[in-house]
Protein backbone atom coordinates (compact mmCIF):
# COMPACT_ATOMS: atom_id res chain seq x y z
CA UNK A 1 0.00 0.00 0.00
CA UNK A 2 1.42 3.36 -1.01
CA UNK A 3 2.10 5.62 1.96
CA UNK A 4 0.20 8.89 2.19
CA UNK A 5 2.53 11.87 1.97
CA UNK A 6 1.64 14.13 4.88
CA UNK A 7 2.72 17.53 6.20
CA UNK A 8 2.05 19.25 9.52
CA UNK A 9 1.54 22.96 10.18
CA UNK A 10 1.24 23.95 13.85
CA UNK A 11 2.79 26.77 15.86
CA UNK A 12 3.38 24.45 18.84
CA UNK A 13 6.37 22.17 18.30
CA UNK A 14 5.06 19.77 20.93
CA UNK A 15 1.86 19.31 18.92
CA UNK A 16 3.90 18.68 15.79
CA UNK A 17 5.86 15.92 17.51
CA UNK A 18 2.74 14.23 18.89
CA UNK A 19 0.99 14.30 15.52
CA UNK A 20 4.13 13.20 13.70
CA UNK A 21 4.48 10.16 15.95
CA UNK A 22 0.84 9.17 15.41
CA UNK A 23 1.22 9.46 11.65
CA UNK A 24 4.41 7.41 11.56
CA UNK A 25 2.99 4.79 13.91
CA UNK A 26 -0.01 4.36 11.61
CA UNK A 27 2.23 2.67 8.99
CA UNK A 28 0.10 4.31 6.29
CA UNK A 29 1.72 7.76 6.15
CA UNK A 30 5.09 9.39 5.87
CA UNK A 31 5.75 12.93 7.08
CA UNK A 32 7.35 14.91 4.26
CA UNK A 33 7.67 18.21 6.11
CA UNK A 34 6.63 20.12 9.19
CA UNK A 35 6.39 23.86 9.83
CA UNK A 36 5.56 26.04 12.83
CA UNK A 37 4.81 29.25 10.90
CA UNK A 38 2.98 30.38 7.79
CA UNK A 39 6.03 31.66 5.91
CA UNK A 40 7.90 28.36 6.11
CA UNK A 41 4.76 26.44 5.16
CA UNK A 42 4.21 28.65 2.11
CA UNK A 43 7.70 27.83 0.79
CA UNK A 44 7.40 24.12 1.53
CA UNK A 45 4.04 23.84 -0.23
CA UNK A 46 5.68 25.17 -3.37
CA UNK A 47 8.63 22.78 -3.27
CA UNK A 48 7.47 19.62 -1.48
CA UNK A 49 4.42 17.83 -2.87
CA UNK A 50 2.16 16.16 -0.32
CA UNK A 51 -1.23 14.46 -0.31
CA UNK A 52 -2.53 16.07 2.87
CA UNK A 53 -1.61 18.85 5.28
CA UNK A 54 -2.69 18.67 8.92
CA UNK A 55 -3.17 22.31 9.88
CA UNK A 56 -3.75 24.21 13.05
CA UNK A 57 -5.96 27.26 12.45
CA UNK A 58 -4.59 29.97 14.72
CA UNK A 59 -0.99 30.76 13.76
CA UNK A 60 -0.32 34.17 15.38
CA UNK A 61 -0.19 36.74 13.92
CA UNK A 62 -1.89 34.85 11.08
CA UNK A 63 -4.28 31.98 10.48
CA UNK A 64 -3.87 29.05 8.15
CA UNK A 65 -6.95 30.37 6.35
CA UNK A 66 -4.83 33.20 4.98
CA UNK A 67 -2.38 30.70 3.55
CA UNK A 68 -5.13 28.66 1.88
CA UNK A 69 -6.69 31.75 0.33
CA UNK A 70 -3.46 32.28 -1.61
CA UNK A 71 -3.72 28.89 -3.28
CA UNK A 72 -6.09 28.94 -6.26
CA UNK A 73 -5.98 25.22 -7.07
CA UNK A 74 -4.68 23.24 -4.11
CA UNK A 75 -3.24 19.86 -5.02
CA UNK A 76 -3.54 18.50 -1.49
CA UNK A 77 -6.24 17.73 1.03
CA UNK A 78 -6.62 19.72 4.26
CA UNK A 79 -7.39 18.37 7.71
CA UNK A 80 -7.74 20.99 10.42
CA UNK A 81 -6.49 19.97 13.88
CA UNK A 82 -7.50 22.76 16.21
CA UNK A 83 -8.85 23.67 19.63
CA UNK A 84 -11.33 26.16 18.14
CA UNK A 85 -14.59 24.51 17.12
CA UNK A 86 -16.32 27.81 16.34
CA UNK A 87 -14.56 27.94 12.97
CA UNK A 88 -16.15 24.72 11.78
CA UNK A 89 -19.45 25.92 10.32
CA UNK A 90 -20.85 23.99 7.43
CA UNK A 91 -18.98 25.74 4.63
CA UNK A 92 -15.69 25.06 6.35
CA UNK A 93 -16.63 21.46 7.00
CA UNK A 94 -17.39 21.01 3.32
CA UNK A 95 -14.17 22.62 2.22
CA UNK A 96 -11.91 20.58 4.47
CA UNK A 97 -11.61 16.81 4.42
CA UNK A 98 -11.88 16.69 8.20
CA UNK A 99 -11.93 18.91 11.28
CA UNK A 100 -10.39 17.39 14.40
CA UNK A 101 -10.65 19.06 17.77
CA UNK A 102 -7.80 19.11 20.25
CA UNK A 103 -7.16 17.22 22.40
CA UNK A 104 -7.36 14.55 19.71
CA UNK A 105 -7.00 10.78 19.90
CA UNK A 106 -4.78 8.66 17.67
CA UNK A 107 -7.95 7.13 16.22
CA UNK A 108 -9.07 10.59 15.04
CA UNK A 109 -5.91 10.88 12.98
CA UNK A 110 -5.99 7.37 11.55
CA UNK A 111 -9.66 7.81 10.58
CA UNK A 112 -8.73 11.05 8.83
CA UNK A 113 -5.95 9.26 6.94
CA UNK A 114 -8.49 6.72 5.77
CA UNK A 115 -10.60 9.55 4.36
CA UNK A 116 -7.59 10.82 2.46
CA UNK A 117 -6.99 7.38 1.02
CA UNK A 118 -10.61 6.99 -0.03
CA UNK A 119 -10.77 10.53 -1.46
CA UNK A 120 -14.22 11.13 0.00
CA UNK A 121 -14.01 14.88 -0.55
CA UNK A 122 -12.07 17.23 -2.83
CA UNK A 123 -10.73 20.34 -1.16
CA UNK A 124 -9.91 22.12 -4.42
CA UNK A 125 -13.45 21.85 -5.77
CA UNK A 126 -14.82 23.67 -2.76
CA UNK A 127 -12.20 26.36 -2.23
CA UNK A 128 -14.66 29.01 -3.38
CA UNK A 129 -17.05 28.13 -0.58
CA UNK A 130 -14.26 28.40 1.94
CA UNK A 131 -13.12 31.81 0.69
CA UNK A 132 -16.66 33.15 0.81
CA UNK A 133 -17.01 31.88 4.36
CA UNK A 134 -13.79 33.55 5.46
CA UNK A 135 -15.07 36.88 4.17
CA UNK A 136 -18.37 36.70 6.03
CA UNK A 137 -17.71 34.77 9.21
CA UNK A 138 -15.95 36.92 11.83
CA UNK A 139 -18.57 39.15 13.42
CA UNK A 140 -21.87 37.90 12.05
CA UNK A 141 -21.84 34.21 12.88
CA UNK A 142 -25.10 32.77 14.19
CA UNK A 143 -24.12 29.13 14.45
CA UNK A 144 -21.49 27.10 16.24
CA UNK A 145 -20.36 23.56 15.67
CA UNK A 146 -20.49 20.91 18.36
CA UNK A 147 -18.38 17.76 18.11
CA UNK A 148 -20.55 14.64 18.46
CA UNK A 149 -19.80 10.93 18.24
CA UNK A 150 -20.45 10.61 14.51
CA UNK A 151 -19.23 14.02 13.35
CA UNK A 152 -20.42 17.56 14.01
CA UNK A 153 -23.80 19.14 14.65
CA UNK A 154 -24.38 22.72 13.56
CA UNK A 155 -26.21 24.57 16.32
CA UNK A 156 -28.05 27.87 15.98
CA UNK A 157 -26.96 29.96 18.96
CA UNK A 158 -30.49 31.32 19.31
CA UNK A 159 -31.64 27.81 20.19
CA UNK A 160 -29.24 27.58 23.14
CA UNK A 161 -31.07 28.37 26.39
CA UNK A 162 -28.08 28.13 28.71
CA UNK A 163 -24.66 26.55 29.08
CA UNK A 164 -23.56 24.82 32.27
CA UNK A 165 -19.97 24.27 33.41
CA UNK A 166 -18.83 20.66 33.76
CA UNK A 167 -15.26 21.00 34.99
CA UNK A 168 -13.23 21.71 31.83
CA UNK A 169 -16.22 20.79 29.65
CA UNK A 170 -19.59 22.45 29.15
CA UNK A 171 -23.15 21.24 28.75
CA UNK A 172 -25.25 23.13 26.21
CA UNK A 173 -28.98 23.00 26.85
CA UNK A 174 -31.12 23.71 23.80
CA UNK A 175 -34.83 24.18 23.35
CA UNK A 176 -36.67 20.98 22.56
CA UNK A 177 -34.95 19.21 25.47
CA UNK A 178 -31.80 18.68 23.42
CA UNK A 179 -28.36 18.92 25.00
CA UNK A 180 -24.70 18.55 24.11
CA UNK A 181 -21.47 18.17 26.03
CA UNK A 182 -18.68 20.23 24.47
CA UNK A 183 -14.94 20.13 25.10
CA UNK A 184 -14.75 23.90 25.60
CA UNK A 185 -14.85 25.53 29.02
CA UNK A 186 -17.61 27.88 30.13
CA UNK A 187 -15.10 30.72 29.96
CA UNK A 188 -14.44 29.90 26.30
CA UNK A 189 -18.15 30.06 25.52
CA UNK A 190 -18.47 33.30 27.49
CA UNK A 191 -15.77 34.91 25.36
CA UNK A 192 -17.36 33.61 22.19
CA UNK A 193 -20.99 34.48 22.95
CA UNK A 194 -20.94 37.48 25.31
CA UNK A 195 -21.83 39.84 22.45
CA UNK A 196 -24.52 37.49 21.15
CA UNK A 197 -27.00 37.93 24.00
CA UNK A 198 -25.39 35.57 26.50
CA UNK A 199 -24.63 36.56 30.09
CA UNK A 200 -22.78 34.72 32.83
CA UNK A 201 -24.96 35.05 35.92
CA UNK A 202 -23.14 32.43 37.95
CA UNK A 203 -19.74 30.74 37.94
CA UNK A 204 -21.45 27.63 36.56
CA UNK A 205 -24.00 29.15 34.16
CA UNK A 206 -24.05 31.24 31.00
CA UNK A 207 -27.59 32.09 29.94
CA UNK A 208 -29.17 33.29 26.71
CA UNK A 209 -31.27 36.25 27.83
CA UNK A 210 -33.72 35.58 24.98
CA UNK A 211 -34.85 32.51 26.88
CA UNK A 212 -35.54 34.15 30.26
CA UNK A 213 -39.21 34.18 31.20
CA UNK A 214 -38.93 35.35 34.81
CA UNK A 215 -36.44 36.99 37.16
CA UNK A 216 -36.78 36.12 40.83
CA UNK A 217 -35.37 38.84 43.07
CA UNK A 218 -34.42 38.64 46.72
CA UNK A 219 -31.65 36.93 48.64
CA UNK A 220 -31.79 33.80 46.49
CA UNK A 221 -32.12 35.58 43.15
CA UNK A 222 -32.57 33.44 40.06
CA UNK A 223 -33.88 33.42 36.53
CA UNK A 224 -36.47 31.03 35.12
CA UNK A 225 -35.76 29.83 31.60
CA UNK A 226 -38.24 28.86 28.91
CA UNK A 227 -37.92 25.17 29.84
CA UNK A 228 -38.91 25.96 33.43
CA UNK A 229 -35.43 25.48 34.88
CA UNK A 230 -34.42 27.89 37.66
CA UNK A 231 -30.84 29.10 37.42
CA UNK A 232 -29.27 30.93 40.39
CA UNK A 233 -27.78 34.41 40.10
CA UNK A 234 -24.64 34.60 42.18
CA UNK A 235 -24.52 37.28 44.88
CA UNK A 236 -21.45 38.76 43.22
CA UNK A 237 -23.19 39.03 39.85
CA UNK A 238 -26.65 40.06 41.04
CA UNK A 239 -26.30 43.85 41.26
CA UNK A 240 -24.37 44.12 38.01
CA UNK A 241 -26.84 41.84 36.22
CA UNK A 242 -29.86 43.87 37.28
CA UNK A 243 -28.12 47.13 36.43
CA UNK A 244 -27.17 45.98 32.94
CA UNK A 245 -30.69 44.79 32.23
CA UNK A 246 -32.14 48.24 32.88
CA UNK A 247 -33.44 49.69 29.66
CA UNK A 248 -34.17 46.20 28.38
CA UNK A 249 -36.47 44.95 31.13
CA UNK A 250 -38.53 47.10 33.49
CA UNK A 251 -38.14 46.18 37.19
């Protein structure tokens, strides 16, 4: 069986070494080159032909998206290996062969290699979709992607009622009694959604204010959500929360 020619682009050398070991241990791939910055990767793409590049997304001060936009007809597949699931909306999922969230398992990588071998998707044919997505995504996104057992679900943020902290993970509660467990922390979701109508009223809860139906004042202040669940407002957050809601809700 012909080995898949792979390359790795990641700004963390430790991640490169982990991924390189997994690829070599798979016995189905050889690592042709690695790079920890966009400039080096750009030169290597021009001189060293590969079948697939495993790419991190955030490469300060750039992103790997910028590199891909420069390539009109890519001759390789792309598999994103990243900690940032918010980039994986449907257009991006279609344009990339796979989208693997860190921390990844060896099986995630070997499954991705199998996709490369089977040529299930063609990155080059969909580059236009990706470029259009890059130009429209940053401030106007209304969906996020949640990693599930068989792939990714695309979730409308307006359907999220609240998000609950589960140690380093988070539980997303959606209308219709649907829920997800995501590998991002509550703080990550707070940073992502704070300008989208979400407010952290407690160390363990981030709520979508569109889904509040009642605010209970007093010593044990809380909010009642559209599914009837009561969520506590921490004493530290209470005064600030009520103050910031003035002008939106009459008390």
